[in-house]
Amino acid sequence: MKDIIFKDGKVQKGHRIKIPKAIVDTLEIKEGQKVLIKFDVIKKKMTVEIEND
């Protein structure tokens, strides 16, 4: 498992979810791929799952 630390990043709120470029590049997410983001509120953890075609 890789840990990615974002320095000088800002939390953005809105109706869309914006995935930071560092995560997109690390996970090699391509445009049009389905991405499932799960939030565990108790553990304060986020999981990103990518569906490959």
PDB file of N, CA and C in Angstrom:
ATOM      1  N   MET A   1       0.847  -1.178   0.000  1.00  0.00           N
ATOM      2  CA  MET A   1       0.000   0.000   0.000  1.00  0.00           C
ATOM      3  C   MET A   1       0.887   1.233   0.000  1.00  0.00           C
ATOM      4  N   LYS A   2       0.510   2.208  -0.801  1.00  0.00           N
ATOM      5  CA  LYS A   2       1.253   3.462  -0.872  1.00  0.00           C
ATOM      6  C   LYS A   2       0.536   4.523  -0.075  1.00  0.00           C
ATOM      7  N   ASP A   3       1.289   5.332   0.615  1.00  0.00           N
ATOM      8  CA  ASP A   3       0.734   6.485   1.311  1.00  0.00           C
ATOM      9  C   ASP A   3       1.070   7.719   0.496  1.00  0.00           C
ATOM     10  N   ILE A   4       0.071   8.512   0.211  1.00  0.00           N
ATOM     11  CA  ILE A   4       0.283   9.754  -0.520  1.00  0.00           C
ATOM     12  C   ILE A   4      -0.083  10.890   0.422  1.00  0.00           C
ATOM     13  N   ILE A   5       0.833  11.794   0.624  1.00  0.00           N
ATOM     14  CA  ILE A   5       0.600  12.922   1.523  1.00  0.00           C
ATOM     15  C   ILE A   5       0.507  14.180   0.669  1.00  0.00           C
ATOM     16  N   PHE A   6      -0.558  14.934   0.880  1.00  0.00           N
ATOM     17  CA  PHE A   6      -0.754  16.166   0.127  1.00  0.00           C
ATOM     18  C   PHE A   6      -0.363  17.335   1.013  1.00  0.00           C
ATOM     19  N   LYS A   7       0.612  18.070   0.566  1.00  0.00           N
ATOM     20  CA  LYS A   7       1.032  19.259   1.290  1.00  0.00           C
ATOM     21  C   LYS A   7       0.490  20.470   0.545  1.00  0.00           C
ATOM     22  N   ASP A   8       0.078  21.459   1.295  1.00  0.00           N
ATOM     23  CA  ASP A   8      -0.474  22.696   0.734  1.00  0.00           C
ATOM     24  C   ASP A   8      -1.746  22.447  -0.062  1.00  0.00           C
ATOM     25  N   GLY A   9      -2.419  21.312   0.165  1.00  0.00           N
ATOM     26  CA  GLY A   9      -3.680  21.028  -0.515  1.00  0.00           C
ATOM     27  C   GLY A   9      -4.830  21.667   0.233  1.00  0.00           C
ATOM     28  N   LYS A  10      -5.917  21.870  -0.469  1.00  0.00           N
ATOM     29  CA  LYS A  10      -7.093  22.472   0.138  1.00  0.00           C
ATOM     30  C   LYS A  10      -8.281  21.550  -0.071  1.00  0.00           C
ATOM     31  N   VAL A  11      -9.155  21.503   0.909  1.00  0.00           N
ATOM     32  CA  VAL A  11     -10.377  20.727   0.806  1.00  0.00           C
ATOM     33  C   VAL A  11     -11.383  21.555   0.010  1.00  0.00           C
ATOM     34  N   GLN A  12     -11.997  20.927  -0.979  1.00  0.00           N
ATOM     35  CA  GLN A  12     -12.989  21.613  -1.786  1.00  0.00           C
ATOM     36  C   GLN A  12     -14.349  20.965  -1.550  1.00  0.00           C
ATOM     37  N   LYS A  13     -15.368  21.778  -1.478  1.00  0.00           N
ATOM     38  CA  LYS A  13     -16.726  21.279  -1.304  1.00  0.00           C
ATOM     39  C   LYS A  13     -17.535  21.642  -2.535  1.00  0.00           C
ATOM     40  N   GLY A  14     -18.520  20.829  -2.828  1.00  0.00           N
ATOM     41  CA  GLY A  14     -19.378  21.121  -3.963  1.00  0.00           C
ATOM     42  C   GLY A  14     -20.179  19.907  -4.351  1.00  0.00           C
ATOM     43  N   HIS A  15     -20.803  19.964  -5.485  1.00  0.00           N
ATOM     44  CA  HIS A  15     -21.656  18.874  -5.958  1.00  0.00           C
ATOM     45  C   HIS A  15     -20.863  17.811  -6.706  1.00  0.00           C
ATOM     46  N   ARG A  16     -19.675  18.141  -7.158  1.00  0.00           N
ATOM     47  CA  ARG A  16     -18.833  17.183  -7.874  1.00  0.00           C
ATOM     48  C   ARG A  16     -17.705  16.734  -6.977  1.00  0.00           C
ATOM     49  N   ILE A  17     -17.192  15.569  -7.271  1.00  0.00           N
ATOM     50  CA  ILE A  17     -16.030  15.083  -6.536  1.00  0.00           C
ATOM     51  C   ILE A  17     -14.815  15.294  -7.426  1.00  0.00           C
ATOM     52  N   LYS A  18     -13.837  15.972  -6.905  1.00  0.00           N
ATOM     53  CA  LYS A  18     -12.610  16.231  -7.652  1.00  0.00           C
ATOM     54  C   LYS A  18     -11.501  15.395  -7.031  1.00  0.00           C
ATOM     55  N   ILE A  19     -10.912  14.524  -7.829  1.00  0.00           N
ATOM     56  CA  ILE A  19      -9.825  13.675  -7.357  1.00  0.00           C
ATOM     57  C   ILE A  19      -8.512  14.376  -7.687  1.00  0.00           C
ATOM     58  N   PRO A  20      -7.654  14.576  -6.679  1.00  0.00           N
ATOM     59  CA  PRO A  20      -6.378  15.261  -6.936  1.00  0.00           C
ATOM     60  C   PRO A  20      -5.543  14.550  -8.017  1.00  0.00           C
ATOM     61  N   LYS A  21      -4.833  15.335  -8.802  1.00  0.00           N
ATOM     62  CA  LYS A  21      -4.022  14.808  -9.906  1.00  0.00           C
ATOM     63  C   LYS A  21      -3.012  13.773  -9.426  1.00  0.00           C
ATOM     64  N   ALA A  22      -2.464  13.949  -8.235  1.00  0.00           N
ATOM     65  CA  ALA A  22      -1.489  12.983  -7.717  1.00  0.00           C
ATOM     66  C   ALA A  22      -2.116  11.592  -7.579  1.00  0.00           C
ATOM     67  N   ILE A  23      -3.382  11.526  -7.154  1.00  0.00           N
ATOM     68  CA  ILE A  23      -4.062  10.231  -7.031  1.00  0.00           C
ATOM     69  C   ILE A  23      -4.372   9.664  -8.411  1.00  0.00           C
ATOM     70  N   VAL A  24      -4.858  10.506  -9.315  1.00  0.00           N
ATOM     71  CA  VAL A  24      -5.174  10.061 -10.677  1.00  0.00           C
ATOM     72  C   VAL A  24      -3.931   9.485 -11.347  1.00  0.00           C
ATOM     73  N   ASP A  25      -2.800  10.158 -11.201  1.00  0.00           N
ATOM     74  CA  ASP A  25      -1.552   9.690 -11.811  1.00  0.00           C
ATOM     75  C   ASP A  25      -1.059   8.404 -11.154  1.00  0.00           C
ATOM     76  N   THR A  26      -1.120   8.336  -9.826  1.00  0.00           N
ATOM     77  CA  THR A  26      -0.630   7.161  -9.110  1.00  0.00           C
ATOM     78  C   THR A  26      -1.458   5.921  -9.435  1.00  0.00           C
ATOM     79  N   LEU A  27      -2.778   6.078  -9.490  1.00  0.00           N
ATOM     80  CA  LEU A  27      -3.671   4.952  -9.762  1.00  0.00           C
ATOM     81  C   LEU A  27      -3.889   4.710 -11.250  1.00  0.00           C
ATOM     82  N   GLU A  28      -3.308   5.577 -12.082  1.00  0.00           N
ATOM     83  CA  GLU A  28      -3.430   5.488 -13.538  1.00  0.00           C
ATOM     84  C   GLU A  28      -4.891   5.418 -13.967  1.00  0.00           C
ATOM     85  N   ILE A  29      -5.700   6.330 -13.424  1.00  0.00           N
ATOM     86  CA  ILE A  29      -7.115   6.416 -13.774  1.00  0.00           C
ATOM     87  C   ILE A  29      -7.235   7.098 -15.127  1.00  0.00           C
ATOM     88  N   LYS A  30      -7.957   6.464 -16.036  1.00  0.00           N
ATOM     89  CA  LYS A  30      -8.170   7.011 -17.379  1.00  0.00           C
ATOM     90  C   LYS A  30      -9.548   7.654 -17.461  1.00  0.00           C
ATOM     91  N   GLU A  31      -9.693   8.596 -18.361  1.00  0.00           N
ATOM     92  CA  GLU A  31     -10.969   9.268 -18.544  1.00  0.00           C
ATOM     93  C   GLU A  31     -12.044   8.258 -18.951  1.00  0.00           C
ATOM     94  N   GLY A  32     -13.181   8.315 -18.306  1.00  0.00           N
ATOM     95  CA  GLY A  32     -14.293   7.422 -18.625  1.00  0.00           C
ATOM     96  C   GLY A  32     -14.363   6.178 -17.748  1.00  0.00           C
ATOM     97  N   GLN A  33     -13.307   5.889 -16.975  1.00  0.00           N
ATOM     98  CA  GLN A  33     -13.343   4.728 -16.087  1.00  0.00           C
ATOM     99  C   GLN A  33     -14.303   5.003 -14.940  1.00  0.00           C
ATOM    100  N   LYS A  34     -14.963   3.952 -14.467  1.00  0.00           N
ATOM    101  CA  LYS A  34     -15.868   4.092 -13.336  1.00  0.00           C
ATOM    102  C   LYS A  34     -15.055   4.024 -12.050  1.00  0.00           C
ATOM    103  N   VAL A  35     -15.305   4.992 -11.169  1.00  0.00           N
ATOM    104  CA  VAL A  35     -14.580   5.091  -9.911  1.00  0.00           C
ATOM    105  C   VAL A  35     -15.600   5.056  -8.776  1.00  0.00           C
ATOM    106  N   LEU A  36     -15.372   4.179  -7.804  1.00  0.00           N
ATOM    107  CA  LEU A  36     -16.217   4.078  -6.621  1.00  0.00           C
ATOM    108  C   LEU A  36     -15.420   4.568  -5.431  1.00  0.00           C
ATOM    109  N   ILE A  37     -15.948   5.576  -4.747  1.00  0.00           N
ATOM    110  CA  ILE A  37     -15.276   6.137  -3.589  1.00  0.00           C
ATOM    111  C   ILE A  37     -16.107   5.807  -2.355  1.00  0.00           C
ATOM    112  N   LYS A  38     -15.489   5.127  -1.392  1.00  0.00           N
ATOM    113  CA  LYS A  38     -16.172   4.737  -0.160  1.00  0.00           C
ATOM    114  C   LYS A  38     -15.568   5.507   1.007  1.00  0.00           C
ATOM    115  N   PHE A  39     -16.439   6.012   1.876  1.00  0.00           N
ATOM    116  CA  PHE A  39     -15.997   6.745   3.047  1.00  0.00           C
ATOM    117  C   PHE A  39     -16.378   5.957   4.300  1.00  0.00           C
ATOM    118  N   ASP A  40     -15.418   5.748   5.182  1.00  0.00           N
ATOM    119  CA  ASP A  40     -15.674   5.136   6.483  1.00  0.00           C
ATOM    120  C   ASP A  40     -15.585   6.258   7.507  1.00  0.00           C
ATOM    121  N   VAL A  41     -16.747   6.728   7.940  1.00  0.00           N
ATOM    122  CA  VAL A  41     -16.802   7.884   8.829  1.00  0.00           C
ATOM    123  C   VAL A  41     -16.175   7.586  10.183  1.00  0.00           C
ATOM    124  N   ILE A  42     -16.366   6.388  10.691  1.00  0.00           N
ATOM    125  CA  ILE A  42     -15.843   6.034  12.012  1.00  0.00           C
ATOM    126  C   ILE A  42     -14.316   5.997  12.001  1.00  0.00           C
ATOM    127  N   LYS A  43     -13.737   5.334  10.999  1.00  0.00           N
ATOM    128  CA  LYS A  43     -12.278   5.217  10.921  1.00  0.00           C
ATOM    129  C   LYS A  43     -11.634   6.416  10.239  1.00  0.00           C
ATOM    130  N   LYS A  44     -12.467   7.301   9.676  1.00  0.00           N
ATOM    131  CA  LYS A  44     -11.993   8.468   8.919  1.00  0.00           C
ATOM    132  C   LYS A  44     -11.053   8.017   7.804  1.00  0.00           C
ATOM    133  N   LYS A  45     -11.568   7.096   6.989  1.00  0.00           N
ATOM    134  CA  LYS A  45     -10.774   6.505   5.918  1.00  0.00           C
ATOM    135  C   LYS A  45     -11.561   6.553   4.614  1.00  0.00           C
ATOM    136  N   MET A  46     -10.866   6.773   3.510  1.00  0.00           N
ATOM    137  CA  MET A  46     -11.485   6.803   2.201  1.00  0.00           C
ATOM    138  C   MET A  46     -10.845   5.736   1.330  1.00  0.00           C
ATOM    139  N   THR A  47     -11.671   4.983   0.609  1.00  0.00           N
ATOM    140  CA  THR A  47     -11.179   3.943  -0.286  1.00  0.00           C
ATOM    141  C   THR A  47     -11.630   4.276  -1.709  1.00  0.00           C
ATOM    142  N   VAL A  48     -10.714   4.179  -2.655  1.00  0.00           N
ATOM    143  CA  VAL A  48     -11.023   4.438  -4.058  1.00  0.00           C
ATOM    144  C   VAL A  48     -10.894   3.115  -4.807  1.00  0.00           C
ATOM    145  N   GLU A  49     -11.972   2.703  -5.485  1.00  0.00           N
ATOM    146  CA  GLU A  49     -11.953   1.480  -6.291  1.00  0.00           C
ATOM    147  C   GLU A  49     -12.210   1.865  -7.743  1.00  0.00           C
ATOM    148  N   ILE A  50     -11.420   1.275  -8.641  1.00  0.00           N
ATOM    149  CA  ILE A  50     -11.520   1.565 -10.062  1.00  0.00           C
ATOM    150  C   ILE A  50     -12.000   0.330 -10.787  1.00  0.00           C
ATOM    151  N   GLU A  51     -13.041   0.495 -11.592  1.00  0.00           N
ATOM    152  CA  GLU A  51     -13.575  -0.622 -12.362  1.00  0.00           C
ATOM    153  C   GLU A  51     -12.900  -0.635 -13.732  1.00  0.00           C
ATOM    154  N   ASN A  52     -12.209  -1.729 -14.016  1.00  0.00           N
ATOM    155  CA  ASN A  52     -11.545  -1.874 -15.308  1.00  0.00           C
ATOM    156  C   ASN A  52     -12.473  -2.539 -16.292  1.00  0.00           C
ATOM    157  N   ASP A  53     -12.486  -2.032 -17.515  1.00  0.00           N
ATOM    158  CA  ASP A  53     -13.340  -2.626 -18.570  1.00  0.00           C
ATOM    159  C   ASP A  53     -12.659  -3.792 -19.222  1.00  0.00           C
TER     160      ASP A  53
END
